[in-house]
Amino acid sequence: MAPVLLISEFVSFVSIFVLAFGLIFELPIFMIFMAKIKILPRTFF
């Protein structure tokens, strides 16, 4: 009987999950930074 979930698949999934959520939560900080240095207007967001 083979395991349903391999450790390498689990680690890969968790890594992608953490990276995706990290990018999502960094986006507002990036948006504030872009507005502060006046690259994009606040109304753009």
PDB file of N, CA and C in Angstrom:
ATOM      1  N   MET A   1       0.835  -1.177   0.000  1.00  0.00           N
ATOM      2  CA  MET A   1       0.000   0.000   0.000  1.00  0.00           C
ATOM      3  C   MET A   1       0.887   1.250   0.000  1.00  0.00           C
ATOM      4  N   ALA A   2       0.673   2.123  -0.963  1.00  0.00           N
ATOM      5  CA  ALA A   2       1.496   3.329  -1.098  1.00  0.00           C
ATOM      6  C   ALA A   2       0.891   4.474  -0.277  1.00  0.00           C
ATOM      7  N   PRO A   3       1.755   5.342   0.242  1.00  0.00           N
ATOM      8  CA  PRO A   3       1.237   6.494   0.981  1.00  0.00           C
ATOM      9  C   PRO A   3       0.482   7.440   0.041  1.00  0.00           C
ATOM     10  N   VAL A   4      -0.549   8.043   0.567  1.00  0.00           N
ATOM     11  CA  VAL A   4      -1.374   8.943  -0.243  1.00  0.00           C
ATOM     12  C   VAL A   4      -0.627  10.248  -0.508  1.00  0.00           C
ATOM     13  N   LEU A   5       0.098  10.737   0.473  1.00  0.00           N
ATOM     14  CA  LEU A   5       0.785  12.015   0.359  1.00  0.00           C
ATOM     15  C   LEU A   5       2.253  11.822   0.718  1.00  0.00           C
ATOM     16  N   LEU A   6       3.119  12.127  -0.215  1.00  0.00           N
ATOM     17  CA  LEU A   6       4.549  12.023   0.038  1.00  0.00           C
ATOM     18  C   LEU A   6       5.039  13.262   0.779  1.00  0.00           C
ATOM     19  N   ILE A   7       6.116  13.102   1.532  1.00  0.00           N
ATOM     20  CA  ILE A   7       6.685  14.227   2.277  1.00  0.00           C
ATOM     21  C   ILE A   7       7.122  15.331   1.322  1.00  0.00           C
ATOM     22  N   SER A   8       7.727  14.979   0.207  1.00  0.00           N
ATOM     23  CA  SER A   8       8.198  15.992  -0.747  1.00  0.00           C
ATOM     24  C   SER A   8       7.035  16.788  -1.334  1.00  0.00           C
ATOM     25  N   GLU A   9       5.924  16.125  -1.600  1.00  0.00           N
ATOM     26  CA  GLU A   9       4.740  16.829  -2.105  1.00  0.00           C
ATOM     27  C   GLU A   9       4.176  17.769  -1.044  1.00  0.00           C
ATOM     28  N   PHE A  10       4.167  17.312   0.197  1.00  0.00           N
ATOM     29  CA  PHE A  10       3.663  18.137   1.292  1.00  0.00           C
ATOM     30  C   PHE A  10       4.533  19.371   1.479  1.00  0.00           C
ATOM     31  N   VAL A  11       5.846  19.187   1.479  1.00  0.00           N
ATOM     32  CA  VAL A  11       6.768  20.313   1.647  1.00  0.00           C
ATOM     33  C   VAL A  11       6.616  21.291   0.488  1.00  0.00           C
ATOM     34  N   SER A  12       6.472  20.789  -0.716  1.00  0.00           N
ATOM     35  CA  SER A  12       6.275  21.645  -1.881  1.00  0.00           C
ATOM     36  C   SER A  12       4.984  22.451  -1.751  1.00  0.00           C
ATOM     37  N   PHE A  13       3.902  21.791  -1.360  1.00  0.00           N
ATOM     38  CA  PHE A  13       2.618  22.472  -1.191  1.00  0.00           C
ATOM     39  C   PHE A  13       2.706  23.556  -0.127  1.00  0.00           C
ATOM     40  N   VAL A  14       3.289  23.234   1.017  1.00  0.00           N
ATOM     41  CA  VAL A  14       3.388  24.201   2.111  1.00  0.00           C
ATOM     42  C   VAL A  14       4.264  25.378   1.700  1.00  0.00           C
ATOM     43  N   SER A  15       5.341  25.124   0.982  1.00  0.00           N
ATOM     44  CA  SER A  15       6.219  26.205   0.527  1.00  0.00           C
ATOM     45  C   SER A  15       5.480  27.166  -0.394  1.00  0.00           C
ATOM     46  N   ILE A  16       4.754  26.634  -1.346  1.00  0.00           N
ATOM     47  CA  ILE A  16       3.992  27.477  -2.274  1.00  0.00           C
ATOM     48  C   ILE A  16       2.906  28.241  -1.521  1.00  0.00           C
ATOM     49  N   PHE A  17       2.244  27.580  -0.592  1.00  0.00           N
ATOM     50  CA  PHE A  17       1.187  28.202   0.209  1.00  0.00           C
ATOM     51  C   PHE A  17       1.741  29.378   1.010  1.00  0.00           C
ATOM     52  N   VAL A  18       2.882  29.179   1.663  1.00  0.00           N
ATOM     53  CA  VAL A  18       3.495  30.236   2.473  1.00  0.00           C
ATOM     54  C   VAL A  18       3.941  31.395   1.590  1.00  0.00           C
ATOM     55  N   LEU A  19       4.552  31.110   0.456  1.00  0.00           N
ATOM     56  CA  LEU A  19       4.970  32.174  -0.459  1.00  0.00           C
ATOM     57  C   LEU A  19       3.778  32.974  -0.970  1.00  0.00           C
ATOM     58  N   ALA A  20       2.716  32.299  -1.339  1.00  0.00           N
ATOM     59  CA  ALA A  20       1.529  32.982  -1.854  1.00  0.00           C
ATOM     60  C   ALA A  20       0.931  33.907  -0.792  1.00  0.00           C
ATOM     61  N   PHE A  21       0.773  33.413   0.426  1.00  0.00           N
ATOM     62  CA  PHE A  21       0.208  34.253   1.474  1.00  0.00           C
ATOM     63  C   PHE A  21       1.160  35.381   1.852  1.00  0.00           C
ATOM     64  N   GLY A  22       2.452  35.130   1.804  1.00  0.00           N
ATOM     65  CA  GLY A  22       3.423  36.190   2.063  1.00  0.00           C
ATOM     66  C   GLY A  22       3.295  37.313   1.056  1.00  0.00           C
ATOM     67  N   LEU A  23       3.165  36.972  -0.208  1.00  0.00           N
ATOM     68  CA  LEU A  23       3.000  37.994  -1.244  1.00  0.00           C
ATOM     69  C   LEU A  23       1.694  38.757  -1.070  1.00  0.00           C
ATOM     70  N   ILE A  24       0.636  38.054  -0.736  1.00  0.00           N
ATOM     71  CA  ILE A  24      -0.665  38.710  -0.554  1.00  0.00           C
ATOM     72  C   ILE A  24      -0.609  39.717   0.594  1.00  0.00           C
ATOM     73  N   PHE A  25       0.045  39.359   1.689  1.00  0.00           N
ATOM     74  CA  PHE A  25       0.086  40.261   2.829  1.00  0.00           C
ATOM     75  C   PHE A  25       1.133  41.357   2.674  1.00  0.00           C
ATOM     76  N   GLU A  26       2.086  41.212   1.765  1.00  0.00           N
ATOM     77  CA  GLU A  26       3.058  42.264   1.490  1.00  0.00           C
ATOM     78  C   GLU A  26       2.520  43.292   0.501  1.00  0.00           C
ATOM     79  N   LEU A  27       1.504  42.933  -0.245  1.00  0.00           N
ATOM     80  CA  LEU A  27       0.972  43.825  -1.274  1.00  0.00           C
ATOM     81  C   LEU A  27       0.530  45.182  -0.727  1.00  0.00           C
ATOM     82  N   PRO A  28      -0.205  45.286   0.380  1.00  0.00           N
ATOM     83  CA  PRO A  28      -0.574  46.616   0.886  1.00  0.00           C
ATOM     84  C   PRO A  28       0.634  47.470   1.257  1.00  0.00           C
ATOM     85  N   ILE A  29       1.676  46.858   1.790  1.00  0.00           N
ATOM     86  CA  ILE A  29       2.890  47.605   2.129  1.00  0.00           C
ATOM     87  C   ILE A  29       3.535  48.144   0.859  1.00  0.00           C
ATOM     88  N   PHE A  30       3.583  47.328  -0.179  1.00  0.00           N
ATOM     89  CA  PHE A  30       4.129  47.760  -1.463  1.00  0.00           C
ATOM     90  C   PHE A  30       3.294  48.901  -2.040  1.00  0.00           C
ATOM     91  N   MET A  31       1.974  48.814  -1.919  1.00  0.00           N
ATOM     92  CA  MET A  31       1.093  49.856  -2.440  1.00  0.00           C
ATOM     93  C   MET A  31       1.318  51.177  -1.705  1.00  0.00           C
ATOM     94  N   ILE A  32       1.466  51.131  -0.392  1.00  0.00           N
ATOM     95  CA  ILE A  32       1.730  52.342   0.390  1.00  0.00           C
ATOM     96  C   ILE A  32       3.069  52.941  -0.016  1.00  0.00           C
ATOM     97  N   PHE A  33       4.071  52.103  -0.191  1.00  0.00           N
ATOM     98  CA  PHE A  33       5.394  52.568  -0.610  1.00  0.00           C
ATOM     99  C   PHE A  33       5.326  53.265  -1.965  1.00  0.00           C
ATOM    100  N   MET A  34       4.615  52.675  -2.917  1.00  0.00           N
ATOM    101  CA  MET A  34       4.492  53.272  -4.255  1.00  0.00           C
ATOM    102  C   MET A  34       3.770  54.621  -4.187  1.00  0.00           C
ATOM    103  N   ALA A  35       2.782  54.745  -3.313  1.00  0.00           N
ATOM    104  CA  ALA A  35       2.066  56.009  -3.164  1.00  0.00           C
ATOM    105  C   ALA A  35       2.940  57.052  -2.467  1.00  0.00           C
ATOM    106  N   LYS A  36       3.742  56.624  -1.491  1.00  0.00           N
ATOM    107  CA  LYS A  36       4.604  57.564  -0.761  1.00  0.00           C
ATOM    108  C   LYS A  36       5.664  58.187  -1.659  1.00  0.00           C
ATOM    109  N   ILE A  37       6.265  57.383  -2.524  1.00  0.00           N
ATOM    110  CA  ILE A  37       7.308  57.930  -3.398  1.00  0.00           C
ATOM    111  C   ILE A  37       6.722  58.478  -4.697  1.00  0.00           C
ATOM    112  N   LYS A  38       5.404  58.565  -4.741  1.00  0.00           N
ATOM    113  CA  LYS A  38       4.645  59.205  -5.816  1.00  0.00           C
ATOM    114  C   LYS A  38       4.873  58.585  -7.188  1.00  0.00           C
ATOM    115  N   ILE A  39       5.050  57.289  -7.216  1.00  0.00           N
ATOM    116  CA  ILE A  39       5.106  56.587  -8.501  1.00  0.00           C
ATOM    117  C   ILE A  39       3.689  56.360  -8.999  1.00  0.00           C
ATOM    118  N   LEU A  40       2.806  55.994  -8.077  1.00  0.00           N
ATOM    119  CA  LEU A  40       1.396  55.808  -8.421  1.00  0.00           C
ATOM    120  C   LEU A  40       0.553  56.671  -7.485  1.00  0.00           C
ATOM    121  N   PRO A  41      -0.498  57.314  -8.013  1.00  0.00           N
ATOM    122  CA  PRO A  41      -1.354  58.120  -7.130  1.00  0.00           C
ATOM    123  C   PRO A  41      -2.195  57.234  -6.211  1.00  0.00           C
ATOM    124  N   ARG A  42      -2.602  57.788  -5.083  1.00  0.00           N
ATOM    125  CA  ARG A  42      -3.430  57.027  -4.138  1.00  0.00           C
ATOM    126  C   ARG A  42      -4.757  56.618  -4.757  1.00  0.00           C
ATOM    127  N   THR A  43      -5.259  57.412  -5.687  1.00  0.00           N
ATOM    128  CA  THR A  43      -6.540  57.083  -6.321  1.00  0.00           C
ATOM    129  C   THR A  43      -6.423  55.864  -7.225  1.00  0.00           C
ATOM    130  N   PHE A  44      -5.218  55.493  -7.598  1.00  0.00           N
ATOM    131  CA  PHE A  44      -4.999  54.305  -8.429  1.00  0.00           C
ATOM    132  C   PHE A  44      -5.424  53.040  -7.693  1.00  0.00           C
ATOM    133  N   PHE A  45      -5.270  53.048  -6.374  1.00  0.00           N
ATOM    134  CA  PHE A  45      -5.605  51.877  -5.571  1.00  0.00           C
ATOM    135  C   PHE A  45      -7.029  51.965  -5.096  1.00  0.00           C
TER     136      PHE A  45
END
